Amino acid sequence: MKITEIRKSTEAELQKLLSDKRAGFVLKKRALHAGELQNPKSIKVIRRDIATLMTLLNEPRDQKEEA
């Protein structure tokens, strides 16, 4: 995910993407523990995507509080 593309999204779109990523993360973790996951490093990518989305969602709120 490119951060420049994500910044152009609305807050509702970011929330939807975040919930989709979290659901995917749960499915990947289950597959990992069941021994069905082919690429365990994909979990790391999803975790980073979730962190990026959460940062962007909290960013405007942080800027408003400082002003």
PDB file of N, CA and C in Angstrom:
ATOM      1  N   MET A   1       0.829  -1.175   0.000  1.00  0.00           N
ATOM      2  CA  MET A   1       0.000   0.000   0.000  1.00  0.00           C
ATOM      3  C   MET A   1       0.880   1.248   0.000  1.00  0.00           C
ATOM      4  N   LYS A   2       0.587   2.140  -0.890  1.00  0.00           N
ATOM      5  CA  LYS A   2       1.308   3.402  -0.963  1.00  0.00           C
ATOM      6  C   LYS A   2       0.612   4.421  -0.067  1.00  0.00           C
ATOM      7  N   ILE A   3       1.380   5.105   0.743  1.00  0.00           N
ATOM      8  CA  ILE A   3       0.793   6.051   1.686  1.00  0.00           C
ATOM      9  C   ILE A   3       0.177   7.241   0.964  1.00  0.00           C
ATOM     10  N   THR A   4       0.733   7.626  -0.184  1.00  0.00           N
ATOM     11  CA  THR A   4       0.165   8.750  -0.926  1.00  0.00           C
ATOM     12  C   THR A   4      -1.224   8.416  -1.448  1.00  0.00           C
ATOM     13  N   GLU A   5      -1.430   7.164  -1.827  1.00  0.00           N
ATOM     14  CA  GLU A   5      -2.751   6.738  -2.291  1.00  0.00           C
ATOM     15  C   GLU A   5      -3.738   6.685  -1.134  1.00  0.00           C
ATOM     16  N   ILE A   6      -3.269   6.253   0.013  1.00  0.00           N
ATOM     17  CA  ILE A   6      -4.143   6.116   1.177  1.00  0.00           C
ATOM     18  C   ILE A   6      -4.568   7.491   1.692  1.00  0.00           C
ATOM     19  N   ARG A   7      -3.679   8.469   1.652  1.00  0.00           N
ATOM     20  CA  ARG A   7      -3.993   9.813   2.144  1.00  0.00           C
ATOM     21  C   ARG A   7      -5.125  10.465   1.352  1.00  0.00           C
ATOM     22  N   LYS A   8      -5.325  10.052   0.118  1.00  0.00           N
ATOM     23  CA  LYS A   8      -6.387  10.618  -0.716  1.00  0.00           C
ATOM     24  C   LYS A   8      -7.761  10.047  -0.358  1.00  0.00           C
ATOM     25  N   SER A   9      -7.794   8.982   0.419  1.00  0.00           N
ATOM     26  CA  SER A   9      -9.054   8.331   0.779  1.00  0.00           C
ATOM     27  C   SER A   9      -9.777   9.105   1.877  1.00  0.00           C
ATOM     28  N   THR A  10     -11.090   8.917   1.935  1.00  0.00           N
ATOM     29  CA  THR A  10     -11.875   9.535   2.999  1.00  0.00           C
ATOM     30  C   THR A  10     -11.735   8.712   4.276  1.00  0.00           C
ATOM     31  N   GLU A  11     -12.199   9.278   5.369  1.00  0.00           N
ATOM     32  CA  GLU A  11     -12.103   8.572   6.651  1.00  0.00           C
ATOM     33  C   GLU A  11     -12.957   7.300   6.638  1.00  0.00           C
ATOM     34  N   ALA A  12     -14.117   7.340   5.992  1.00  0.00           N
ATOM     35  CA  ALA A  12     -14.977   6.159   5.909  1.00  0.00           C
ATOM     36  C   ALA A  12     -14.298   5.042   5.119  1.00  0.00           C
ATOM     37  N   GLU A  13     -13.621   5.414   4.045  1.00  0.00           N
ATOM     38  CA  GLU A  13     -12.907   4.420   3.255  1.00  0.00           C
ATOM     39  C   GLU A  13     -11.751   3.810   4.052  1.00  0.00           C
ATOM     40  N   LEU A  14     -11.077   4.647   4.830  1.00  0.00           N
ATOM     41  CA  LEU A  14      -9.979   4.152   5.663  1.00  0.00           C
ATOM     42  C   LEU A  14     -10.496   3.190   6.731  1.00  0.00           C
ATOM     43  N   GLN A  15     -11.640   3.525   7.335  1.00  0.00           N
ATOM     44  CA  GLN A  15     -12.235   2.632   8.339  1.00  0.00           C
ATOM     45  C   GLN A  15     -12.596   1.282   7.721  1.00  0.00           C
ATOM     46  N   LYS A  16     -13.160   1.311   6.516  1.00  0.00           N
ATOM     47  CA  LYS A  16     -13.542   0.077   5.826  1.00  0.00           C
ATOM     48  C   LYS A  16     -12.303  -0.759   5.501  1.00  0.00           C
ATOM     49  N   LEU A  17     -11.263  -0.100   5.000  1.00  0.00           N
ATOM     50  CA  LEU A  17     -10.028  -0.797   4.677  1.00  0.00           C
ATOM     51  C   LEU A  17      -9.388  -1.381   5.926  1.00  0.00           C
ATOM     52  N   LEU A  18      -9.447  -0.646   7.029  1.00  0.00           N
ATOM     53  CA  LEU A  18      -8.889  -1.126   8.288  1.00  0.00           C
ATOM     54  C   LEU A  18      -9.638  -2.363   8.772  1.00  0.00           C
ATOM     55  N   SER A  19     -10.954  -2.350   8.700  1.00  0.00           N
ATOM     56  CA  SER A  19     -11.716  -3.520   9.151  1.00  0.00           C
ATOM     57  C   SER A  19     -11.450  -4.725   8.240  1.00  0.00           C
ATOM     58  N   ASP A  20     -11.280  -4.492   6.949  1.00  0.00           N
ATOM     59  CA  ASP A  20     -10.952  -5.582   6.033  1.00  0.00           C
ATOM     60  C   ASP A  20      -9.572  -6.171   6.347  1.00  0.00           C
ATOM     61  N   LYS A  21      -8.610  -5.298   6.609  1.00  0.00           N
ATOM     62  CA  LYS A  21      -7.253  -5.759   6.934  1.00  0.00           C
ATOM     63  C   LYS A  21      -7.240  -6.545   8.244  1.00  0.00           C
ATOM     64  N   ARG A  22      -8.009  -6.070   9.230  1.00  0.00           N
ATOM     65  CA  ARG A  22      -8.058  -6.788  10.515  1.00  0.00           C
ATOM     66  C   ARG A  22      -8.687  -8.167  10.350  1.00  0.00           C
ATOM     67  N   ALA A  23      -9.727  -8.258   9.534  1.00  0.00           N
ATOM     68  CA  ALA A  23     -10.357  -9.559   9.290  1.00  0.00           C
ATOM     69  C   ALA A  23      -9.380 -10.483   8.560  1.00  0.00           C
ATOM     70  N   GLY A  24      -8.655  -9.949   7.612  1.00  0.00           N
ATOM     71  CA  GLY A  24      -7.650 -10.739   6.909  1.00  0.00           C
ATOM     72  C   GLY A  24      -6.534 -11.189   7.819  1.00  0.00           C
ATOM     73  N   PHE A  25      -6.169 -10.339   8.768  1.00  0.00           N
ATOM     74  CA  PHE A  25      -5.131 -10.677   9.729  1.00  0.00           C
ATOM     75  C   PHE A  25      -5.551 -11.872  10.594  1.00  0.00           C
ATOM     76  N   VAL A  26      -6.802 -11.854  11.033  1.00  0.00           N
ATOM     77  CA  VAL A  26      -7.308 -12.960  11.851  1.00  0.00           C
ATOM     78  C   VAL A  26      -7.284 -14.268  11.055  1.00  0.00           C
ATOM     79  N   LEU A  27      -7.708 -14.199   9.810  1.00  0.00           N
ATOM     80  CA  LEU A  27      -7.713 -15.404   8.974  1.00  0.00           C
ATOM     81  C   LEU A  27      -6.298 -15.924   8.742  1.00  0.00           C
ATOM     82  N   LYS A  28      -5.344 -15.025   8.525  1.00  0.00           N
ATOM     83  CA  LYS A  28      -3.950 -15.446   8.309  1.00  0.00           C
ATOM     84  C   LYS A  28      -3.368 -16.064   9.568  1.00  0.00           C
ATOM     85  N   LYS A  29      -3.702 -15.498  10.737  1.00  0.00           N
ATOM     86  CA  LYS A  29      -3.190 -16.059  11.996  1.00  0.00           C
ATOM     87  C   LYS A  29      -3.742 -17.460  12.231  1.00  0.00           C
ATOM     88  N   ARG A  30      -5.032 -17.648  11.917  1.00  0.00           N
ATOM     89  CA  ARG A  30      -5.620 -18.975  12.062  1.00  0.00           C
ATOM     90  C   ARG A  30      -4.945 -19.970  11.125  1.00  0.00           C
ATOM     91  N   ALA A  31      -4.714 -19.541   9.889  1.00  0.00           N
ATOM     92  CA  ALA A  31      -4.062 -20.413   8.913  1.00  0.00           C
ATOM     93  C   ALA A  31      -2.634 -20.740   9.346  1.00  0.00           C
ATOM     94  N   LEU A  32      -1.949 -19.781   9.948  1.00  0.00           N
ATOM     95  CA  LEU A  32      -0.592 -20.013  10.421  1.00  0.00           C
ATOM     96  C   LEU A  32      -0.571 -21.077  11.512  1.00  0.00           C
ATOM     97  N   HIS A  33      -1.475 -20.967  12.463  1.00  0.00           N
ATOM     98  CA  HIS A  33      -1.508 -21.916  13.570  1.00  0.00           C
ATOM     99  C   HIS A  33      -2.001 -23.288  13.134  1.00  0.00           C
ATOM    100  N   ALA A  34      -2.773 -23.333  12.062  1.00  0.00           N
ATOM    101  CA  ALA A  34      -3.242 -24.611  11.541  1.00  0.00           C
ATOM    102  C   ALA A  34      -2.220 -25.244  10.602  1.00  0.00           C
ATOM    103  N   GLY A  35      -1.157 -24.500  10.287  1.00  0.00           N
ATOM    104  CA  GLY A  35      -0.127 -25.022   9.406  1.00  0.00           C
ATOM    105  C   GLY A  35      -0.491 -24.946   7.931  1.00  0.00           C
ATOM    106  N   GLU A  36      -1.459 -24.115   7.588  1.00  0.00           N
ATOM    107  CA  GLU A  36      -1.926 -24.021   6.202  1.00  0.00           C
ATOM    108  C   GLU A  36      -1.354 -22.819   5.458  1.00  0.00           C
ATOM    109  N   LEU A  37      -0.703 -21.915   6.159  1.00  0.00           N
ATOM    110  CA  LEU A  37      -0.219 -20.681   5.549  1.00  0.00           C
ATOM    111  C   LEU A  37       1.088 -20.947   4.812  1.00  0.00           C
ATOM    112  N   GLN A  38       1.121 -20.595   3.530  1.00  0.00           N
ATOM    113  CA  GLN A  38       2.304 -20.828   2.713  1.00  0.00           C
ATOM    114  C   GLN A  38       3.390 -19.777   2.965  1.00  0.00           C
ATOM    115  N   ASN A  39       2.976 -18.529   3.187  1.00  0.00           N
ATOM    116  CA  ASN A  39       3.932 -17.449   3.351  1.00  0.00           C
ATOM    117  C   ASN A  39       3.691 -16.738   4.683  1.00  0.00           C
ATOM    118  N   PRO A  40       4.395 -17.123   5.742  1.00  0.00           N
ATOM    119  CA  PRO A  40       4.183 -16.504   7.048  1.00  0.00           C
ATOM    120  C   PRO A  40       4.561 -15.019   7.088  1.00  0.00           C
ATOM    121  N   LYS A  41       5.391 -14.568   6.170  1.00  0.00           N
ATOM    122  CA  LYS A  41       5.785 -13.160   6.162  1.00  0.00           C
ATOM    123  C   LYS A  41       4.640 -12.249   5.752  1.00  0.00           C
ATOM    124  N   SER A  42       3.590 -12.813   5.178  1.00  0.00           N
ATOM    125  CA  SER A  42       2.442 -11.988   4.788  1.00  0.00           C
ATOM    126  C   SER A  42       1.742 -11.400   6.011  1.00  0.00           C
ATOM    127  N   ILE A  43       1.882 -12.042   7.156  1.00  0.00           N
ATOM    128  CA  ILE A  43       1.303 -11.522   8.393  1.00  0.00           C
ATOM    129  C   ILE A  43       1.984 -10.206   8.762  1.00  0.00           C
ATOM    130  N   LYS A  44       3.292 -10.145   8.572  1.00  0.00           N
ATOM    131  CA  LYS A  44       4.051  -8.939   8.876  1.00  0.00           C
ATOM    132  C   LYS A  44       3.585  -7.764   8.013  1.00  0.00           C
ATOM    133  N   VAL A  45       3.314  -8.030   6.760  1.00  0.00           N
ATOM    134  CA  VAL A  45       2.863  -6.984   5.839  1.00  0.00           C
ATOM    135  C   VAL A  45       1.497  -6.458   6.267  1.00  0.00           C
ATOM    136  N   ILE A  46       0.599  -7.351   6.646  1.00  0.00           N
ATOM    137  CA  ILE A  46      -0.741  -6.939   7.071  1.00  0.00           C
ATOM    138  C   ILE A  46      -0.664  -6.121   8.364  1.00  0.00           C
ATOM    139  N   ARG A  47       0.194  -6.542   9.291  1.00  0.00           N
ATOM    140  CA  ARG A  47       0.346  -5.788  10.539  1.00  0.00           C
ATOM    141  C   ARG A  47       0.832  -4.373  10.274  1.00  0.00           C
ATOM    142  N   ARG A  48       1.758  -4.224   9.355  1.00  0.00           N
ATOM    143  CA  ARG A  48       2.268  -2.895   9.016  1.00  0.00           C
ATOM    144  C   ARG A  48       1.195  -2.056   8.334  1.00  0.00           C
ATOM    145  N   ASP A  49       0.403  -2.690   7.467  1.00  0.00           N
ATOM    146  CA  ASP A  49      -0.690  -1.970   6.813  1.00  0.00           C
ATOM    147  C   ASP A  49      -1.697  -1.470   7.841  1.00  0.00           C
ATOM    148  N   ILE A  50      -2.015  -2.311   8.815  1.00  0.00           N
ATOM    149  CA  ILE A  50      -2.951  -1.921   9.871  1.00  0.00           C
ATOM    150  C   ILE A  50      -2.382  -0.747  10.669  1.00  0.00           C
ATOM    151  N   ALA A  51      -1.106  -0.800  10.991  1.00  0.00           N
ATOM    152  CA  ALA A  51      -0.480   0.288  11.741  1.00  0.00           C
ATOM    153  C   ALA A  51      -0.495   1.581  10.947  1.00  0.00           C
ATOM    154  N   THR A  52      -0.247   1.501   9.648  1.00  0.00           N
ATOM    155  CA  THR A  52      -0.272   2.685   8.799  1.00  0.00           C
ATOM    156  C   THR A  52      -1.665   3.300   8.760  1.00  0.00           C
ATOM    157  N   LEU A  53      -2.672   2.455   8.598  1.00  0.00           N
ATOM    158  CA  LEU A  53      -4.045   2.949   8.548  1.00  0.00           C
ATOM    159  C   LEU A  53      -4.453   3.587   9.868  1.00  0.00           C
ATOM    160  N   MET A  54      -4.085   2.963  10.976  1.00  0.00           N
ATOM    161  CA  MET A  54      -4.429   3.523  12.278  1.00  0.00           C
ATOM    162  C   MET A  54      -3.733   4.863  12.496  1.00  0.00           C
ATOM    163  N   THR A  55      -2.501   4.974  12.030  1.00  0.00           N
ATOM    164  CA  THR A  55      -1.770   6.229  12.148  1.00  0.00           C
ATOM    165  C   THR A  55      -2.458   7.333  11.349  1.00  0.00           C
ATOM    166  N   LEU A  56      -2.854   7.016  10.134  1.00  0.00           N
ATOM    167  CA  LEU A  56      -3.517   8.007   9.295  1.00  0.00           C
ATOM    168  C   LEU A  56      -4.883   8.399   9.845  1.00  0.00           C
ATOM    169  N   LEU A  57      -5.583   7.452  10.441  1.00  0.00           N
ATOM    170  CA  LEU A  57      -6.885   7.768  11.012  1.00  0.00           C
ATOM    171  C   LEU A  57      -6.750   8.671  12.236  1.00  0.00           C
ATOM    172  N   ASN A  58      -5.686   8.517  12.995  1.00  0.00           N
ATOM    173  CA  ASN A  58      -5.482   9.329  14.197  1.00  0.00           C
ATOM    174  C   ASN A  58      -4.781  10.644  13.908  1.00  0.00           C
ATOM    175  N   GLU A  59      -4.159  10.757  12.752  1.00  0.00           N
ATOM    176  CA  GLU A  59      -3.382  11.941  12.420  1.00  0.00           C
ATOM    177  C   GLU A  59      -4.192  13.240  12.424  1.00  0.00           C
ATOM    178  N   PRO A  60      -5.327  13.324  11.760  1.00  0.00           N
ATOM    179  CA  PRO A  60      -6.075  14.592  11.780  1.00  0.00           C
ATOM    180  C   PRO A  60      -6.515  14.994  13.183  1.00  0.00           C
ATOM    181  N   ARG A  61      -6.885  14.034  13.992  1.00  0.00           N
ATOM    182  CA  ARG A  61      -7.307  14.310  15.358  1.00  0.00           C
ATOM    183  C   ARG A  61      -6.145  14.916  16.148  1.00  0.00           C
ATOM    184  N   ASP A  62      -4.947  14.398  15.968  1.00  0.00           N
ATOM    185  CA  ASP A  62      -3.777  14.916  16.664  1.00  0.00           C
ATOM    186  C   ASP A  62      -3.454  16.341  16.230  1.00  0.00           C
ATOM    187  N   GLN A  63      -3.607  16.637  14.951  1.00  0.00           N
ATOM    188  CA  GLN A  63      -3.314  17.972  14.448  1.00  0.00           C
ATOM    189  C   GLN A  63      -4.327  18.994  14.965  1.00  0.00           C
ATOM    190  N   LYS A  64      -5.592  18.583  15.123  1.00  0.00           N
ATOM    191  CA  LYS A  64      -6.617  19.498  15.641  1.00  0.00           C
ATOM    192  C   LYS A  64      -6.369  19.844  17.096  1.00  0.00           C
ATOM    193  N   GLU A  65      -5.881  18.874  17.872  1.00  0.00           N
ATOM    194  CA  GLU A  65      -5.638  19.118  19.285  1.00  0.00           C
ATOM    195  C   GLU A  65      -4.476  20.085  19.499  1.00  0.00           C
ATOM    196  N   GLU A  66      -3.485  20.044  18.629  1.00  0.00           N
ATOM    197  CA  GLU A  66      -2.336  20.932  18.762  1.00  0.00           C
ATOM    198  C   GLU A  66      -2.674  22.374  18.434  1.00  0.00           C
ATOM    199  N   ALA A  67      -3.609  22.590  17.527  1.00  0.00           N
ATOM    200  CA  ALA A  67      -3.947  23.943  17.070  1.00  0.00           C
ATOM    201  C   ALA A  67      -4.799  24.712  18.055  1.00  0.00           C
TER     202      ALA A  67
END
